[in-house]
Amino acid sequence: MKAFIVVLLAMAIVLVASFPAADFANLEDPSSAELERANRVARSSAWDDDDHGTIKEITVHKTVHVPVPYPVEKKVPVVVEKKVPVIITKTAPVSIKIKRVKKHKHTG
């Protein structure tokens, strides 16, 4: 059990060390951090008019606090990544042409 806790703490330390410093500056105001991340994802997605009705996957980042096991009384921020399908509902003009074909018989 002790080895499991040590491994878990080591993984948490490595995970926290891999975060950029800017993310820790925004932890006090999570709404601005989430908004900035959402804007970054929207800018990098590069959707255009040809994407009407298509489904694209974007990666959504959300910071959640996970309590570390009992020997340490500290909360460690963890980034959870989940891919969410997004349907683009932008309206685009659609033209449909219906062509009727006469049936013909072969007489022989």
PDB file of N, CA and C in Angstrom:
ATOM      1  N   MET A   1       0.826  -1.192   0.000  1.00  0.00           N
ATOM      2  CA  MET A   1       0.000   0.000   0.000  1.00  0.00           C
ATOM      3  C   MET A   1       0.872   1.259   0.000  1.00  0.00           C
ATOM      4  N   LYS A   2       1.973   1.200   0.760  1.00  0.00           N
ATOM      5  CA  LYS A   2       2.864   2.352   0.825  1.00  0.00           C
ATOM      6  C   LYS A   2       3.497   2.635  -0.536  1.00  0.00           C
ATOM      7  N   ALA A   3       3.864   1.572  -1.247  1.00  0.00           N
ATOM      8  CA  ALA A   3       4.471   1.744  -2.576  1.00  0.00           C
ATOM      9  C   ALA A   3       3.468   2.369  -3.543  1.00  0.00           C
ATOM     10  N   PHE A   4       2.218   1.964  -3.440  1.00  0.00           N
ATOM     11  CA  PHE A   4       1.180   2.528  -4.304  1.00  0.00           C
ATOM     12  C   PHE A   4       1.033   4.029  -4.065  1.00  0.00           C
ATOM     13  N   ILE A   5       1.043   4.441  -2.805  1.00  0.00           N
ATOM     14  CA  ILE A   5       0.914   5.860  -2.475  1.00  0.00           C
ATOM     15  C   ILE A   5       2.119   6.638  -2.988  1.00  0.00           C
ATOM     16  N   VAL A   6       3.315   6.070  -2.849  1.00  0.00           N
ATOM     17  CA  VAL A   6       4.529   6.739  -3.326  1.00  0.00           C
ATOM     18  C   VAL A   6       4.481   6.905  -4.841  1.00  0.00           C
ATOM     19  N   VAL A   7       4.054   5.855  -5.553  1.00  0.00           N
ATOM     20  CA  VAL A   7       3.957   5.927  -7.014  1.00  0.00           C
ATOM     21  C   VAL A   7       2.916   6.960  -7.423  1.00  0.00           C
ATOM     22  N   LEU A   8       1.789   6.976  -6.733  1.00  0.00           N
ATOM     23  CA  LEU A   8       0.738   7.942  -7.040  1.00  0.00           C
ATOM     24  C   LEU A   8       1.209   9.380  -6.812  1.00  0.00           C
ATOM     25  N   LEU A   9       1.919   9.602  -5.716  1.00  0.00           N
ATOM     26  CA  LEU A   9       2.451  10.940  -5.444  1.00  0.00           C
ATOM     27  C   LEU A   9       3.493  11.345  -6.480  1.00  0.00           C
ATOM     28  N   ALA A  10       4.337  10.406  -6.892  1.00  0.00           N
ATOM     29  CA  ALA A  10       5.348  10.714  -7.910  1.00  0.00           C
ATOM     30  C   ALA A  10       4.682  11.089  -9.228  1.00  0.00           C
ATOM     31  N   MET A  11       3.623  10.348  -9.591  1.00  0.00           N
ATOM     32  CA  MET A  11       2.906  10.665 -10.827  1.00  0.00           C
ATOM     33  C   MET A  11       2.253  12.044 -10.731  1.00  0.00           C
ATOM     34  N   ALA A  12       1.701  12.378  -9.566  1.00  0.00           N
ATOM     35  CA  ALA A  12       1.069  13.685  -9.383  1.00  0.00           C
ATOM     36  C   ALA A  12       2.101  14.809  -9.483  1.00  0.00           C
ATOM     37  N   ILE A  13       3.286  14.588  -8.919  1.00  0.00           N
ATOM     38  CA  ILE A  13       4.343  15.607  -8.980  1.00  0.00           C
ATOM     39  C   ILE A  13       4.800  15.817 -10.415  1.00  0.00           C
ATOM     40  N   VAL A  14       4.974  14.717 -11.162  1.00  0.00           N
ATOM     41  CA  VAL A  14       5.384  14.831 -12.566  1.00  0.00           C
ATOM     42  C   VAL A  14       4.308  15.548 -13.372  1.00  0.00           C
ATOM     43  N   LEU A  15       3.049  15.230 -13.099  1.00  0.00           N
ATOM     44  CA  LEU A  15       1.946  15.865 -13.819  1.00  0.00           C
ATOM     45  C   LEU A  15       1.888  17.362 -13.533  1.00  0.00           C
ATOM     46  N   VAL A  16       2.035  17.734 -12.270  1.00  0.00           N
ATOM     47  CA  VAL A  16       1.995  19.150 -11.901  1.00  0.00           C
ATOM     48  C   VAL A  16       3.196  19.885 -12.486  1.00  0.00           C
ATOM     49  N   ALA A  17       4.353  19.249 -12.513  1.00  0.00           N
ATOM     50  CA  ALA A  17       5.555  19.892 -13.051  1.00  0.00           C
ATOM     51  C   ALA A  17       5.447  20.120 -14.555  1.00  0.00           C
ATOM     52  N   SER A  18       4.612  19.334 -15.233  1.00  0.00           N
ATOM     53  CA  SER A  18       4.492  19.479 -16.685  1.00  0.00           C
ATOM     54  C   SER A  18       3.555  20.613 -17.094  1.00  0.00           C
ATOM     55  N   PHE A  19       2.816  21.203 -16.149  1.00  0.00           N
ATOM     56  CA  PHE A  19       1.918  22.304 -16.482  1.00  0.00           C
ATOM     57  C   PHE A  19       2.705  23.569 -16.771  1.00  0.00           C
ATOM     58  N   PRO A  20       2.254  24.379 -17.742  1.00  0.00           N
ATOM     59  CA  PRO A  20       2.881  25.690 -17.927  1.00  0.00           C
ATOM     60  C   PRO A  20       2.547  26.609 -16.753  1.00  0.00           C
ATOM     61  N   ALA A  21       3.402  27.567 -16.494  1.00  0.00           N
ATOM     62  CA  ALA A  21       3.200  28.477 -15.357  1.00  0.00           C
ATOM     63  C   ALA A  21       1.948  29.326 -15.530  1.00  0.00           C
ATOM     64  N   ALA A  22       1.550  29.615 -16.755  1.00  0.00           N
ATOM     65  CA  ALA A  22       0.377  30.460 -17.004  1.00  0.00           C
ATOM     66  C   ALA A  22      -0.897  29.808 -16.488  1.00  0.00           C
ATOM     67  N   ASP A  23      -0.989  28.472 -16.520  1.00  0.00           N
ATOM     68  CA  ASP A  23      -2.184  27.795 -16.031  1.00  0.00           C
ATOM     69  C   ASP A  23      -2.340  27.969 -14.525  1.00  0.00           C
ATOM     70  N   PHE A  24      -1.219  27.971 -13.781  1.00  0.00           N
ATOM     71  CA  PHE A  24      -1.312  28.146 -12.342  1.00  0.00           C
ATOM     72  C   PHE A  24      -1.702  29.575 -11.986  1.00  0.00           C
ATOM     73  N   ALA A  25      -1.345  30.532 -12.815  1.00  0.00           N
ATOM     74  CA  ALA A  25      -1.711  31.918 -12.545  1.00  0.00           C
ATOM     75  C   ALA A  25      -3.215  32.112 -12.655  1.00  0.00           C
ATOM     76  N   ASN A  26      -3.879  31.319 -13.477  1.00  0.00           N
ATOM     77  CA  ASN A  26      -5.318  31.479 -13.698  1.00  0.00           C
ATOM     78  C   ASN A  26      -6.172  30.584 -12.804  1.00  0.00           C
ATOM     79  N   LEU A  27      -5.571  29.839 -11.881  1.00  0.00           N
ATOM     80  CA  LEU A  27      -6.362  28.931 -11.055  1.00  0.00           C
ATOM     81  C   LEU A  27      -7.316  29.681 -10.125  1.00  0.00           C
ATOM     82  N   GLU A  28      -6.955  30.907  -9.715  1.00  0.00           N
ATOM     83  CA  GLU A  28      -7.838  31.656  -8.836  1.00  0.00           C
ATOM     84  C   GLU A  28      -9.117  32.067  -9.564  1.00  0.00           C
ATOM     85  N   ASP A  29      -9.034  32.319 -10.854  1.00  0.00           N
ATOM     86  CA  ASP A  29     -10.184  32.736 -11.646  1.00  0.00           C
ATOM     87  C   ASP A  29     -10.437  31.689 -12.732  1.00  0.00           C
ATOM     88  N   PRO A  30     -11.123  30.583 -12.395  1.00  0.00           N
ATOM     89  CA  PRO A  30     -11.275  29.495 -13.368  1.00  0.00           C
ATOM     90  C   PRO A  30     -12.104  29.872 -14.585  1.00  0.00           C
ATOM     91  N   SER A  31     -13.008  30.849 -14.441  1.00  0.00           N
ATOM     92  CA  SER A  31     -13.849  31.196 -15.587  1.00  0.00           C
ATOM     93  C   SER A  31     -13.021  31.816 -16.705  1.00  0.00           C
ATOM     94  N   SER A  32     -12.055  32.670 -16.364  1.00  0.00           N
ATOM     95  CA  SER A  32     -11.233  33.284 -17.407  1.00  0.00           C
ATOM     96  C   SER A  32     -10.293  32.261 -18.039  1.00  0.00           C
ATOM     97  N   ALA A  33      -9.804  31.311 -17.244  1.00  0.00           N
ATOM     98  CA  ALA A  33      -8.918  30.278 -17.790  1.00  0.00           C
ATOM     99  C   ALA A  33      -9.678  29.381 -18.758  1.00  0.00           C
ATOM    100  N   GLU A  34     -10.893  28.982 -18.383  1.00  0.00           N
ATOM    101  CA  GLU A  34     -11.690  28.120 -19.256  1.00  0.00           C
ATOM    102  C   GLU A  34     -12.085  28.862 -20.532  1.00  0.00           C
ATOM    103  N   LEU A  35     -12.409  30.149 -20.405  1.00  0.00           N
ATOM    104  CA  LEU A  35     -12.784  30.944 -21.569  1.00  0.00           C
ATOM    105  C   LEU A  35     -11.604  31.097 -22.521  1.00  0.00           C
ATOM    106  N   GLU A  36     -10.421  31.326 -21.972  1.00  0.00           N
ATOM    107  CA  GLU A  36      -9.227  31.477 -22.806  1.00  0.00           C
ATOM    108  C   GLU A  36      -8.915  30.168 -23.533  1.00  0.00           C
ATOM    109  N   ARG A  37      -9.072  29.035 -22.840  1.00  0.00           N
ATOM    110  CA  ARG A  37      -8.846  27.729 -23.477  1.00  0.00           C
ATOM    111  C   ARG A  37      -9.858  27.491 -24.590  1.00  0.00           C
ATOM    112  N   ALA A  38     -11.126  27.840 -24.340  1.00  0.00           N
ATOM    113  CA  ALA A  38     -12.162  27.642 -25.355  1.00  0.00           C
ATOM    114  C   ALA A  38     -11.881  28.491 -26.590  1.00  0.00           C
ATOM    115  N   ASN A  39     -11.424  29.721 -26.378  1.00  0.00           N
ATOM    116  CA  ASN A  39     -11.089  30.583 -27.515  1.00  0.00           C
ATOM    117  C   ASN A  39      -9.910  30.033 -28.299  1.00  0.00           C
ATOM    118  N   ARG A  40      -8.929  29.476 -27.595  1.00  0.00           N
ATOM    119  CA  ARG A  40      -7.764  28.897 -28.266  1.00  0.00           C
ATOM    120  C   ARG A  40      -8.185  27.704 -29.132  1.00  0.00           C
ATOM    121  N   VAL A  41      -9.080  26.862 -28.604  1.00  0.00           N
ATOM    122  CA  VAL A  41      -9.564  25.706 -29.372  1.00  0.00           C
ATOM    123  C   VAL A  41     -10.347  26.170 -30.586  1.00  0.00           C
ATOM    124  N   ALA A  42     -11.184  27.194 -30.406  1.00  0.00           N
ATOM    125  CA  ALA A  42     -11.995  27.686 -31.526  1.00  0.00           C
ATOM    126  C   ALA A  42     -11.118  28.271 -32.631  1.00  0.00           C
ATOM    127  N   ARG A  43     -10.053  28.981 -32.249  1.00  0.00           N
ATOM    128  CA  ARG A  43      -9.167  29.561 -33.261  1.00  0.00           C
ATOM    129  C   ARG A  43      -8.380  28.489 -33.997  1.00  0.00           C
ATOM    130  N   SER A  44      -8.006  27.415 -33.295  1.00  0.00           N
ATOM    131  CA  SER A  44      -7.158  26.401 -33.925  1.00  0.00           C
ATOM    132  C   SER A  44      -7.962  25.396 -34.745  1.00  0.00           C
ATOM    133  N   SER A  45      -9.282  25.411 -34.622  1.00  0.00           N
ATOM    134  CA  SER A  45     -10.087  24.410 -35.321  1.00  0.00           C
ATOM    135  C   SER A  45     -10.192  24.673 -36.810  1.00  0.00           C
ATOM    136  N   ALA A  46     -10.177  25.926 -37.215  1.00  0.00           N
ATOM    137  CA  ALA A  46     -10.204  26.332 -38.628  1.00  0.00           C
ATOM    138  C   ALA A  46     -11.374  25.712 -39.382  1.00  0.00           C
ATOM    139  N   TRP A  47     -12.590  25.986 -38.940  1.00  0.00           N
ATOM    140  CA  TRP A  47     -13.772  25.520 -39.653  1.00  0.00           C
ATOM    141  C   TRP A  47     -14.140  26.540 -40.712  1.00  0.00           C
ATOM    142  N   ASP A  48     -14.664  26.076 -41.817  1.00  0.00           N
ATOM    143  CA  ASP A  48     -15.101  27.008 -42.855  1.00  0.00           C
ATOM    144  C   ASP A  48     -16.470  26.589 -43.378  1.00  0.00           C
ATOM    145  N   ASP A  49     -16.913  27.216 -44.467  1.00  0.00           N
ATOM    146  CA  ASP A  49     -18.262  26.976 -44.987  1.00  0.00           C
ATOM    147  C   ASP A  49     -18.472  25.546 -45.472  1.00  0.00           C
ATOM    148  N   ASP A  50     -17.411  24.854 -45.860  1.00  0.00           N
ATOM    149  CA  ASP A  50     -17.555  23.483 -46.355  1.00  0.00           C
ATOM    150  C   ASP A  50     -17.860  22.490 -45.244  1.00  0.00           C
ATOM    151  N   ASP A  51     -17.768  22.910 -43.993  1.00  0.00           N
ATOM    152  CA  ASP A  51     -17.947  22.001 -42.866  1.00  0.00           C
ATOM    153  C   ASP A  51     -19.386  21.938 -42.370  1.00  0.00           C
ATOM    154  N   HIS A  52     -20.341  22.478 -43.127  1.00  0.00           N
ATOM    155  CA  HIS A  52     -21.737  22.493 -42.687  1.00  0.00           C
ATOM    156  C   HIS A  52     -22.239  21.067 -42.463  1.00  0.00           C
ATOM    157  N   GLY A  53     -22.773  20.812 -41.281  1.00  0.00           N
ATOM    158  CA  GLY A  53     -23.354  19.512 -40.972  1.00  0.00           C
ATOM    159  C   GLY A  53     -22.359  18.415 -40.687  1.00  0.00           C
ATOM    160  N   THR A  54     -21.071  18.718 -40.698  1.00  0.00           N
ATOM    161  CA  THR A  54     -20.083  17.675 -40.424  1.00  0.00           C
ATOM    162  C   THR A  54     -19.844  17.587 -38.925  1.00  0.00           C
ATOM    163  N   ILE A  55     -19.289  16.476 -38.510  1.00  0.00           N
ATOM    164  CA  ILE A  55     -18.970  16.272 -37.099  1.00  0.00           C
ATOM    165  C   ILE A  55     -17.458  16.306 -36.966  1.00  0.00           C
ATOM    166  N   LYS A  56     -16.968  17.189 -36.115  1.00  0.00           N
ATOM    167  CA  LYS A  56     -15.532  17.274 -35.864  1.00  0.00           C
ATOM    168  C   LYS A  56     -15.296  16.979 -34.399  1.00  0.00           C
ATOM    169  N   GLU A  57     -14.126  16.469 -34.093  1.00  0.00           N
ATOM    170  CA  GLU A  57     -13.778  16.230 -32.704  1.00  0.00           C
ATOM    171  C   GLU A  57     -12.793  17.292 -32.257  1.00  0.00           C
ATOM    172  N   ILE A  58     -13.095  17.918 -31.127  1.00  0.00           N
ATOM    173  CA  ILE A  58     -12.150  18.848 -30.536  1.00  0.00           C
ATOM    174  C   ILE A  58     -11.809  18.319 -29.150  1.00  0.00           C
ATOM    175  N   THR A  59     -10.683  18.701 -28.642  1.00  0.00           N
ATOM    176  CA  THR A  59     -10.280  18.269 -27.310  1.00  0.00           C
ATOM    177  C   THR A  59     -10.652  19.361 -26.319  1.00  0.00           C
ATOM    178  N   VAL A  60     -11.415  18.974 -25.307  1.00  0.00           N
ATOM    179  CA  VAL A  60     -11.863  19.915 -24.292  1.00  0.00           C
ATOM    180  C   VAL A  60     -11.009  19.698 -23.048  1.00  0.00           C
ATOM    181  N   HIS A  61     -10.409  20.779 -22.543  1.00  0.00           N
ATOM    182  CA  HIS A  61      -9.592  20.690 -21.338  1.00  0.00           C
ATOM    183  C   HIS A  61     -10.377  21.281 -20.172  1.00  0.00           C
ATOM    184  N   LYS A  62     -10.435  20.566 -19.075  1.00  0.00           N
ATOM    185  CA  LYS A  62     -11.084  21.094 -17.880  1.00  0.00           C
ATOM    186  C   LYS A  62     -10.205  20.746 -16.691  1.00  0.00           C
ATOM    187  N   THR A  63      -9.931  21.725 -15.863  1.00  0.00           N
ATOM    188  CA  THR A  63      -9.109  21.497 -14.679  1.00  0.00           C
ATOM    189  C   THR A  63     -10.018  21.108 -13.521  1.00  0.00           C
ATOM    190  N   VAL A  64      -9.747  19.961 -12.930  1.00  0.00           N
ATOM    191  CA  VAL A  64     -10.504  19.513 -11.765  1.00  0.00           C
ATOM    192  C   VAL A  64      -9.516  19.250 -10.634  1.00  0.00           C
ATOM    193  N   HIS A  65      -9.989  19.362  -9.407  1.00  0.00           N
ATOM    194  CA  HIS A  65      -9.134  19.119  -8.249  1.00  0.00           C
ATOM    195  C   HIS A  65      -9.434  17.735  -7.694  1.00  0.00           C
ATOM    196  N   VAL A  66      -8.400  16.916  -7.595  1.00  0.00           N
ATOM    197  CA  VAL A  66      -8.545  15.548  -7.110  1.00  0.00           C
ATOM    198  C   VAL A  66      -7.816  15.454  -5.775  1.00  0.00           C
ATOM    199  N   PRO A  67      -8.496  15.007  -4.723  1.00  0.00           N
ATOM    200  CA  PRO A  67      -7.796  14.882  -3.439  1.00  0.00           C
ATOM    201  C   PRO A  67      -6.789  13.735  -3.480  1.00  0.00           C
ATOM    202  N   VAL A  68      -5.598  14.008  -2.974  1.00  0.00           N
ATOM    203  CA  VAL A  68      -4.536  12.999  -2.911  1.00  0.00           C
ATOM    204  C   VAL A  68      -4.847  12.088  -1.723  1.00  0.00           C
ATOM    205  N   PRO A  69      -4.431  10.815  -1.741  1.00  0.00           N
ATOM    206  CA  PRO A  69      -4.721   9.911  -0.602  1.00  0.00           C
ATOM    207  C   PRO A  69      -4.313  10.489   0.760  1.00  0.00           C
ATOM    208  N   TYR A  70      -4.865   9.912   1.805  1.00  0.00           N
ATOM    209  CA  TYR A  70      -4.870  10.470   3.149  1.00  0.00           C
ATOM    210  C   TYR A  70      -3.548  10.933   3.764  1.00  0.00           C
ATOM    211  N   PRO A  71      -2.352  10.356   3.497  1.00  0.00           N
ATOM    212  CA  PRO A  71      -1.163  10.880   4.193  1.00  0.00           C
ATOM    213  C   PRO A  71      -0.869  12.355   3.882  1.00  0.00           C
ATOM    214  N   VAL A  72      -1.295  12.844   2.723  1.00  0.00           N
ATOM    215  CA  VAL A  72      -1.019  14.228   2.343  1.00  0.00           C
ATOM    216  C   VAL A  72      -2.351  14.961   2.244  1.00  0.00           C
ATOM    217  N   GLU A  73      -2.482  16.061   2.951  1.00  0.00           N
ATOM    218  CA  GLU A  73      -3.729  16.827   2.915  1.00  0.00           C
ATOM    219  C   GLU A  73      -3.559  18.005   1.965  1.00  0.00           C
ATOM    220  N   LYS A  74      -3.568  17.729   0.686  1.00  0.00           N
ATOM    221  CA  LYS A  74      -3.375  18.767  -0.320  1.00  0.00           C
ATOM    222  C   LYS A  74      -4.124  18.351  -1.574  1.00  0.00           C
ATOM    223  N   LYS A  75      -4.696  19.326  -2.269  1.00  0.00           N
ATOM    224  CA  LYS A  75      -5.386  19.032  -3.521  1.00  0.00           C
ATOM    225  C   LYS A  75      -4.449  19.336  -4.679  1.00  0.00           C
ATOM    226  N   VAL A  76      -4.408  18.442  -5.649  1.00  0.00           N
ATOM    227  CA  VAL A  76      -3.515  18.574  -6.799  1.00  0.00           C
ATOM    228  C   VAL A  76      -4.363  18.817  -8.040  1.00  0.00           C
ATOM    229  N   PRO A  77      -4.070  19.879  -8.831  1.00  0.00           N
ATOM    230  CA  PRO A  77      -4.839  20.084 -10.069  1.00  0.00           C
ATOM    231  C   PRO A  77      -4.478  19.047 -11.119  1.00  0.00           C
ATOM    232  N   VAL A  78      -5.484  18.490 -11.757  1.00  0.00           N
ATOM    233  CA  VAL A  78      -5.297  17.466 -12.779  1.00  0.00           C
ATOM    234  C   VAL A  78      -6.055  17.907 -14.022  1.00  0.00           C
ATOM    235  N   VAL A  79      -5.431  17.794 -15.192  1.00  0.00           N
ATOM    236  CA  VAL A  79      -6.094  18.148 -16.445  1.00  0.00           C
ATOM    237  C   VAL A  79      -6.721  16.889 -17.020  1.00  0.00           C
ATOM    238  N   VAL A  80      -8.017  16.944 -17.278  1.00  0.00           N
ATOM    239  CA  VAL A  80      -8.749  15.820 -17.851  1.00  0.00           C
ATOM    240  C   VAL A  80      -9.048  16.164 -19.301  1.00  0.00           C
ATOM    241  N   GLU A  81      -8.625  15.294 -20.218  1.00  0.00           N
ATOM    242  CA  GLU A  81      -8.882  15.537 -21.635  1.00  0.00           C
ATOM    243  C   GLU A  81      -9.959  14.577 -22.114  1.00  0.00           C
ATOM    244  N   LYS A  82     -10.919  15.115 -22.836  1.00  0.00           N
ATOM    245  CA  LYS A  82     -11.994  14.289 -23.373  1.00  0.00           C
ATOM    246  C   LYS A  82     -12.349  14.824 -24.745  1.00  0.00           C
ATOM    247  N   LYS A  83     -12.479  13.928 -25.717  1.00  0.00           N
ATOM    248  CA  LYS A  83     -12.869  14.361 -27.053  1.00  0.00           C
ATOM    249  C   LYS A  83     -14.390  14.377 -27.140  1.00  0.00           C
ATOM    250  N   VAL A  84     -14.914  15.494 -27.596  1.00  0.00           N
ATOM    251  CA  VAL A  84     -16.357  15.685 -27.676  1.00  0.00           C
ATOM    252  C   VAL A  84     -16.731  15.928 -29.129  1.00  0.00           C
ATOM    253  N   PRO A  85     -17.679  15.160 -29.685  1.00  0.00           N
ATOM    254  CA  PRO A  85     -18.095  15.447 -31.066  1.00  0.00           C
ATOM    255  C   PRO A  85     -18.896  16.741 -31.124  1.00  0.00           C
ATOM    256  N   VAL A  86     -18.582  17.577 -32.085  1.00  0.00           N
ATOM    257  CA  VAL A  86     -19.261  18.861 -32.243  1.00  0.00           C
ATOM    258  C   VAL A  86     -19.935  18.881 -33.603  1.00  0.00           C
ATOM    259  N   ILE A  87     -21.239  19.159 -33.631  1.00  0.00           N
ATOM    260  CA  ILE A  87     -21.967  19.256 -34.893  1.00  0.00           C
ATOM    261  C   ILE A  87     -22.093  20.732 -35.242  1.00  0.00           C
ATOM    262  N   ILE A  88     -21.638  21.090 -36.423  1.00  0.00           N
ATOM    263  CA  ILE A  88     -21.698  22.479 -36.868  1.00  0.00           C
ATOM    264  C   ILE A  88     -23.086  22.724 -37.444  1.00  0.00           C
ATOM    265  N   THR A  89     -23.806  23.675 -36.865  1.00  0.00           N
ATOM    266  CA  THR A  89     -25.192  23.904 -37.277  1.00  0.00           C
ATOM    267  C   THR A  89     -25.345  25.197 -38.060  1.00  0.00           C
ATOM    268  N   LYS A  90     -24.299  25.649 -38.684  1.00  0.00           N
ATOM    269  CA  LYS A  90     -24.367  26.867 -39.487  1.00  0.00           C
ATOM    270  C   LYS A  90     -25.225  26.586 -40.721  1.00  0.00           C
ATOM    271  N   THR A  91     -26.168  27.475 -40.993  1.00  0.00           N
ATOM    272  CA  THR A  91     -27.055  27.245 -42.129  1.00  0.00           C
ATOM    273  C   THR A  91     -26.342  27.596 -43.428  1.00  0.00           C
ATOM    274  N   ALA A  92     -26.546  26.770 -44.418  1.00  0.00           N
ATOM    275  CA  ALA A  92     -25.970  27.001 -45.741  1.00  0.00           C
ATOM    276  C   ALA A  92     -27.048  26.692 -46.770  1.00  0.00           C
ATOM    277  N   PRO A  93     -27.099  27.435 -47.869  1.00  0.00           N
ATOM    278  CA  PRO A  93     -28.117  27.146 -48.885  1.00  0.00           C
ATOM    279  C   PRO A  93     -27.870  25.784 -49.535  1.00  0.00           C
ATOM    280  N   VAL A  94     -28.941  25.028 -49.663  1.00  0.00           N
ATOM    281  CA  VAL A  94     -28.850  23.697 -50.262  1.00  0.00           C
ATOM    282  C   VAL A  94     -29.848  23.632 -51.406  1.00  0.00           C
ATOM    283  N   SER A  95     -29.397  23.189 -52.570  1.00  0.00           N
ATOM    284  CA  SER A  95     -30.320  23.030 -53.698  1.00  0.00           C
ATOM    285  C   SER A  95     -30.428  21.544 -54.023  1.00  0.00           C
ATOM    286  N   ILE A  96     -31.653  21.094 -54.169  1.00  0.00           N
ATOM    287  CA  ILE A  96     -31.913  19.686 -54.481  1.00  0.00           C
ATOM    288  C   ILE A  96     -32.640  19.633 -55.812  1.00  0.00           C
ATOM    289  N   LYS A  97     -32.119  18.841 -56.724  1.00  0.00           N
ATOM    290  CA  LYS A  97     -32.768  18.670 -58.020  1.00  0.00           C
ATOM    291  C   LYS A  97     -33.249  17.225 -58.123  1.00  0.00           C
ATOM    292  N   ILE A  98     -34.524  17.081 -58.449  1.00  0.00           N
ATOM    293  CA  ILE A  98     -35.100  15.750 -58.621  1.00  0.00           C
ATOM    294  C   ILE A  98     -35.359  15.550 -60.105  1.00  0.00           C
ATOM    295  N   LYS A  99     -34.801  14.507 -60.627  1.00  0.00           N
ATOM    296  CA  LYS A  99     -34.958  14.234 -62.055  1.00  0.00           C
ATOM    297  C   LYS A  99     -35.726  12.921 -62.199  1.00  0.00           C
ATOM    298  N   ARG A 100     -36.844  12.997 -62.886  1.00  0.00           N
ATOM    299  CA  ARG A 100     -37.632  11.783 -63.106  1.00  0.00           C
ATOM    300  C   ARG A 100     -37.182  11.117 -64.392  1.00  0.00           C
ATOM    301  N   VAL A 101     -37.093   9.828 -64.340  1.00  0.00           N
ATOM    302  CA  VAL A 101     -36.681   9.055 -65.514  1.00  0.00           C
ATOM    303  C   VAL A 101     -37.874   8.222 -65.952  1.00  0.00           C
ATOM    304  N   LYS A 102     -38.212   8.322 -67.246  1.00  0.00           N
ATOM    305  CA  LYS A 102     -39.318   7.517 -67.780  1.00  0.00           C
ATOM    306  C   LYS A 102     -38.868   6.069 -67.877  1.00  0.00           C
ATOM    307  N   LYS A 103     -39.756   5.192 -67.480  1.00  0.00           N
ATOM    308  CA  LYS A 103     -39.460   3.772 -67.645  1.00  0.00           C
ATOM    309  C   LYS A 103     -39.810   3.380 -69.072  1.00  0.00           C
ATOM    310  N   HIS A 104     -38.966   2.628 -69.698  1.00  0.00           N
ATOM    311  CA  HIS A 104     -39.260   2.198 -71.066  1.00  0.00           C
ATOM    312  C   HIS A 104     -39.256   0.672 -71.130  1.00  0.00           C
ATOM    313  N   LYS A 105     -40.037   0.172 -72.044  1.00  0.00           N
ATOM    314  CA  LYS A 105     -40.169  -1.276 -72.190  1.00  0.00           C
ATOM    315  C   LYS A 105     -39.492  -1.714 -73.468  1.00  0.00           C
ATOM    316  N   HIS A 106     -38.908  -2.860 -73.423  1.00  0.00           N
ATOM    317  CA  HIS A 106     -38.317  -3.454 -74.626  1.00  0.00           C
ATOM    318  C   HIS A 106     -39.319  -4.452 -75.210  1.00  0.00           C
ATOM    319  N   THR A 107     -39.725  -4.224 -76.436  1.00  0.00           N
ATOM    320  CA  THR A 107     -40.631  -5.174 -77.091  1.00  0.00           C
ATOM    321  C   THR A 107     -39.821  -5.993 -78.074  1.00  0.00           C
ATOM    322  N   GLY A 108     -40.051  -7.227 -78.089  1.00  0.00           N
ATOM    323  CA  GLY A 108     -39.205  -8.013 -78.955  1.00  0.00           C
ATOM    324  C   GLY A 108     -39.855  -9.119 -79.660  1.00  0.00           C
TER     325      GLY A 108
END
